[in-house]
Amino acid sequence: MTVKDAVVERIQTLCREKGIRPNELANISGVTPSTVYSLLDNRRRDVSITTIKKLCDGLEVTLGTFFSTVEFDSLEQEII
């Protein structure tokens, strides 16, 4: 699993838990719907931490809570 995959999975999980759709997440987070859909797109590889922070604010979770999961803890080292 890549960092991007883990971010997408986490956002989707939090949206399901809170019963909101990506378009609604965009509205409550102050980002455009195209930003959220682009982030969720498998073809896009880079994700801005600023965007993640805005989405976390909309989801009412801290960055620490967002990244505090087994998926993030088990990511392989990026530097070889």
N, C-alpha and C. Protein backbone atom coordinates (compact mmCIF):
# COMPACT_ATOMS: atom_id res chain seq x y z
N MET A 1 0.85 -1.18 0.00
CA MET A 1 0.00 0.00 0.00
C MET A 1 0.89 1.24 0.00
N THR A 2 0.53 2.21 -0.82
CA THR A 2 1.29 3.46 -0.87
C THR A 2 0.69 4.46 0.13
N VAL A 3 1.43 5.52 0.37
CA VAL A 3 0.92 6.59 1.23
C VAL A 3 -0.38 7.13 0.65
N LYS A 4 -0.42 7.36 -0.64
CA LYS A 4 -1.63 7.89 -1.31
C LYS A 4 -2.80 6.94 -1.09
N ASP A 5 -2.57 5.64 -1.25
CA ASP A 5 -3.63 4.65 -1.03
C ASP A 5 -4.15 4.71 0.40
N ALA A 6 -3.24 4.85 1.35
CA ALA A 6 -3.64 4.92 2.76
C ALA A 6 -4.45 6.18 3.03
N VAL A 7 -4.08 7.30 2.42
CA VAL A 7 -4.82 8.55 2.60
C VAL A 7 -6.23 8.40 2.04
N VAL A 8 -6.34 7.86 0.84
CA VAL A 8 -7.65 7.68 0.21
C VAL A 8 -8.52 6.75 1.05
N GLU A 9 -7.95 5.65 1.50
CA GLU A 9 -8.69 4.69 2.31
C GLU A 9 -9.19 5.35 3.61
N ARG A 10 -8.33 6.16 4.21
CA ARG A 10 -8.69 6.80 5.48
C ARG A 10 -9.82 7.82 5.26
N ILE A 11 -9.73 8.60 4.20
CA ILE A 11 -10.78 9.58 3.92
C ILE A 11 -12.10 8.86 3.65
N GLN A 12 -12.06 7.81 2.86
CA GLN A 12 -13.28 7.07 2.56
C GLN A 12 -13.88 6.45 3.82
N THR A 13 -13.04 5.93 4.69
CA THR A 13 -13.52 5.34 5.95
C THR A 13 -14.18 6.41 6.82
N LEU A 14 -13.53 7.55 6.97
CA LEU A 14 -14.10 8.62 7.80
C LEU A 14 -15.41 9.15 7.21
N CYS A 15 -15.47 9.25 5.90
CA CYS A 15 -16.72 9.69 5.25
C CYS A 15 -17.84 8.69 5.52
N ARG A 16 -17.55 7.41 5.40
CA ARG A 16 -18.56 6.38 5.68
C ARG A 16 -19.02 6.47 7.13
N GLU A 17 -18.05 6.61 8.05
CA GLU A 17 -18.40 6.68 9.48
C GLU A 17 -19.29 7.87 9.78
N LYS A 18 -19.07 8.98 9.08
CA LYS A 18 -19.83 10.20 9.34
C LYS A 18 -21.03 10.34 8.41
N GLY A 19 -21.19 9.39 7.47
CA GLY A 19 -22.33 9.40 6.58
C GLY A 19 -22.34 10.56 5.59
N ILE A 20 -21.15 10.93 5.10
CA ILE A 20 -21.09 12.03 4.13
C ILE A 20 -20.43 11.56 2.84
N ARG A 21 -20.79 12.22 1.77
CA ARG A 21 -20.26 11.91 0.44
C ARG A 21 -19.12 12.88 0.12
N PRO A 22 -18.28 12.53 -0.85
CA PRO A 22 -17.15 13.40 -1.20
C PRO A 22 -17.54 14.84 -1.52
N ASN A 23 -18.66 15.03 -2.21
CA ASN A 23 -19.09 16.38 -2.55
C ASN A 23 -19.41 17.19 -1.29
N GLU A 24 -20.07 16.55 -0.33
CA GLU A 24 -20.39 17.20 0.94
C GLU A 24 -19.11 17.48 1.73
N LEU A 25 -18.17 16.57 1.71
CA LEU A 25 -16.89 16.78 2.38
C LEU A 25 -16.20 18.01 1.82
N ALA A 26 -16.24 18.17 0.51
CA ALA A 26 -15.64 19.35 -0.12
C ALA A 26 -16.29 20.61 0.40
N ASN A 27 -17.61 20.63 0.44
CA ASN A 27 -18.33 21.83 0.89
C ASN A 27 -18.02 22.19 2.33
N ILE A 28 -17.99 21.21 3.22
CA ILE A 28 -17.75 21.52 4.63
C ILE A 28 -16.27 21.79 4.93
N SER A 29 -15.41 21.38 3.99
CA SER A 29 -13.96 21.56 4.19
C SER A 29 -13.43 22.83 3.53
N GLY A 30 -14.24 23.46 2.70
CA GLY A 30 -13.79 24.67 2.04
C GLY A 30 -12.86 24.41 0.86
N VAL A 31 -12.98 23.25 0.25
CA VAL A 31 -12.22 22.94 -0.95
C VAL A 31 -13.21 22.65 -2.07
N THR A 32 -12.74 22.69 -3.28
CA THR A 32 -13.64 22.42 -4.40
C THR A 32 -13.92 20.92 -4.49
N PRO A 33 -15.11 20.57 -4.99
CA PRO A 33 -15.39 19.14 -5.19
C PRO A 33 -14.36 18.49 -6.11
N SER A 34 -13.86 19.22 -7.10
CA SER A 34 -12.87 18.64 -8.00
C SER A 34 -11.58 18.29 -7.25
N THR A 35 -11.26 19.04 -6.21
CA THR A 35 -10.08 18.73 -5.40
C THR A 35 -10.26 17.39 -4.69
N VAL A 36 -11.42 17.18 -4.11
CA VAL A 36 -11.69 15.92 -3.40
C VAL A 36 -11.70 14.75 -4.38
N TYR A 37 -12.41 14.92 -5.49
CA TYR A 37 -12.47 13.83 -6.47
C TYR A 37 -11.10 13.55 -7.08
N SER A 38 -10.30 14.58 -7.26
CA SER A 38 -8.95 14.40 -7.79
C SER A 38 -8.11 13.62 -6.79
N LEU A 39 -8.25 13.95 -5.51
CA LEU A 39 -7.49 13.25 -4.47
C LEU A 39 -7.88 11.77 -4.44
N LEU A 40 -9.15 11.48 -4.65
CA LEU A 40 -9.63 10.10 -4.61
C LEU A 40 -9.29 9.33 -5.88
N ASP A 41 -8.85 10.02 -6.92
CA ASP A 41 -8.52 9.40 -8.21
C ASP A 41 -7.20 8.65 -8.11
N ASN A 42 -7.21 7.40 -8.51
CA ASN A 42 -6.00 6.57 -8.44
C ASN A 42 -4.87 7.07 -9.33
N ARG A 43 -5.20 7.82 -10.37
CA ARG A 43 -4.17 8.30 -11.29
C ARG A 43 -3.37 9.46 -10.70
N ARG A 44 -3.92 10.16 -9.74
CA ARG A 44 -3.19 11.26 -9.10
C ARG A 44 -2.36 10.69 -7.97
N ARG A 45 -1.08 11.00 -7.96
CA ARG A 45 -0.20 10.40 -6.95
C ARG A 45 0.10 11.32 -5.77
N ASP A 46 0.22 12.61 -6.01
CA ASP A 46 0.62 13.51 -4.94
C ASP A 46 -0.60 14.07 -4.21
N VAL A 47 -0.46 14.15 -2.90
CA VAL A 47 -1.52 14.70 -2.07
C VAL A 47 -0.90 15.77 -1.17
N SER A 48 -1.49 16.93 -1.16
CA SER A 48 -0.99 18.04 -0.36
C SER A 48 -1.40 17.86 1.11
N ILE A 49 -0.49 18.07 2.02
CA ILE A 49 -0.81 18.00 3.44
C ILE A 49 -1.78 19.12 3.82
N THR A 50 -1.71 20.24 3.12
CA THR A 50 -2.65 21.33 3.36
C THR A 50 -4.07 20.89 3.02
N THR A 51 -4.22 20.16 1.92
CA THR A 51 -5.54 19.65 1.55
C THR A 51 -6.02 18.63 2.57
N ILE A 52 -5.13 17.76 3.00
CA ILE A 52 -5.50 16.77 4.02
C ILE A 52 -5.95 17.49 5.30
N LYS A 53 -5.25 18.54 5.69
CA LYS A 53 -5.62 19.30 6.89
C LYS A 53 -7.01 19.90 6.74
N LYS A 54 -7.31 20.47 5.59
CA LYS A 54 -8.64 21.04 5.36
C LYS A 54 -9.72 19.96 5.43
N LEU A 55 -9.45 18.81 4.85
CA LEU A 55 -10.41 17.71 4.91
C LEU A 55 -10.58 17.21 6.34
N CYS A 56 -9.49 17.15 7.08
CA CYS A 56 -9.57 16.77 8.49
C CYS A 56 -10.43 17.76 9.27
N ASP A 57 -10.25 19.04 9.00
CA ASP A 57 -11.08 20.06 9.66
C ASP A 57 -12.55 19.82 9.36
N GLY A 58 -12.86 19.53 8.09
CA GLY A 58 -14.24 19.25 7.71
C GLY A 58 -14.78 17.98 8.35
N LEU A 59 -13.91 17.00 8.53
CA LEU A 59 -14.30 15.74 9.15
C LEU A 59 -14.26 15.81 10.68
N GLU A 60 -13.78 16.95 11.19
CA GLU A 60 -13.65 17.17 12.63
C GLU A 60 -12.74 16.15 13.31
N VAL A 61 -11.60 15.91 12.66
CA VAL A 61 -10.56 15.07 13.25
C VAL A 61 -9.23 15.81 13.15
N THR A 62 -8.34 15.54 14.05
CA THR A 62 -7.02 16.16 14.00
C THR A 62 -6.15 15.39 13.02
N LEU A 63 -5.07 16.03 12.61
CA LEU A 63 -4.11 15.33 11.75
C LEU A 63 -3.55 14.11 12.47
N GLY A 64 -3.32 14.25 13.77
CA GLY A 64 -2.80 13.12 14.55
C GLY A 64 -3.74 11.94 14.52
N THR A 65 -5.02 12.21 14.69
CA THR A 65 -6.03 11.15 14.64
C THR A 65 -6.11 10.55 13.24
N PHE A 66 -6.05 11.41 12.22
CA PHE A 66 -6.13 10.95 10.84
C PHE A 66 -5.02 9.95 10.53
N PHE A 67 -3.79 10.29 10.93
CA PHE A 67 -2.65 9.45 10.60
C PHE A 67 -2.37 8.34 11.60
N SER A 68 -3.13 8.29 12.69
CA SER A 68 -2.90 7.29 13.73
C SER A 68 -3.71 6.02 13.43
N THR A 69 -3.26 5.28 12.43
CA THR A 69 -3.93 4.03 12.07
C THR A 69 -2.87 2.97 11.76
N VAL A 70 -3.29 1.74 11.77
CA VAL A 70 -2.40 0.63 11.46
C VAL A 70 -1.86 0.77 10.04
N GLU A 71 -2.72 1.24 9.11
CA GLU A 71 -2.30 1.37 7.72
C GLU A 71 -1.11 2.32 7.59
N PHE A 72 -1.15 3.45 8.26
CA PHE A 72 -0.04 4.38 8.18
C PHE A 72 1.18 3.86 8.94
N ASP A 73 0.95 3.22 10.06
CA ASP A 73 2.07 2.68 10.84
C ASP A 73 2.80 1.56 10.12
N SER A 74 2.10 0.85 9.24
CA SER A 74 2.72 -0.30 8.58
C SER A 74 3.24 0.02 7.18
N LEU A 75 3.22 1.27 6.77
CA LEU A 75 3.76 1.63 5.46
C LEU A 75 5.26 1.36 5.43
N GLU A 76 5.72 0.88 4.30
CA GLU A 76 7.14 0.61 4.17
C GLU A 76 7.91 1.92 4.01
N GLN A 77 9.15 1.90 4.38
CA GLN A 77 10.02 3.07 4.28
C GLN A 77 10.14 3.50 2.82
N GLU A 78 10.02 4.79 2.58
CA GLU A 78 10.10 5.33 1.23
C GLU A 78 11.54 5.51 0.75
N ILE A 79 12.46 5.74 1.69
CA ILE A 79 13.86 5.95 1.33
C ILE A 79 14.57 4.60 1.31
N ILE A 80 15.25 4.36 0.23
CA ILE A 80 15.95 3.07 0.11
C ILE A 80 17.43 3.27 0.31
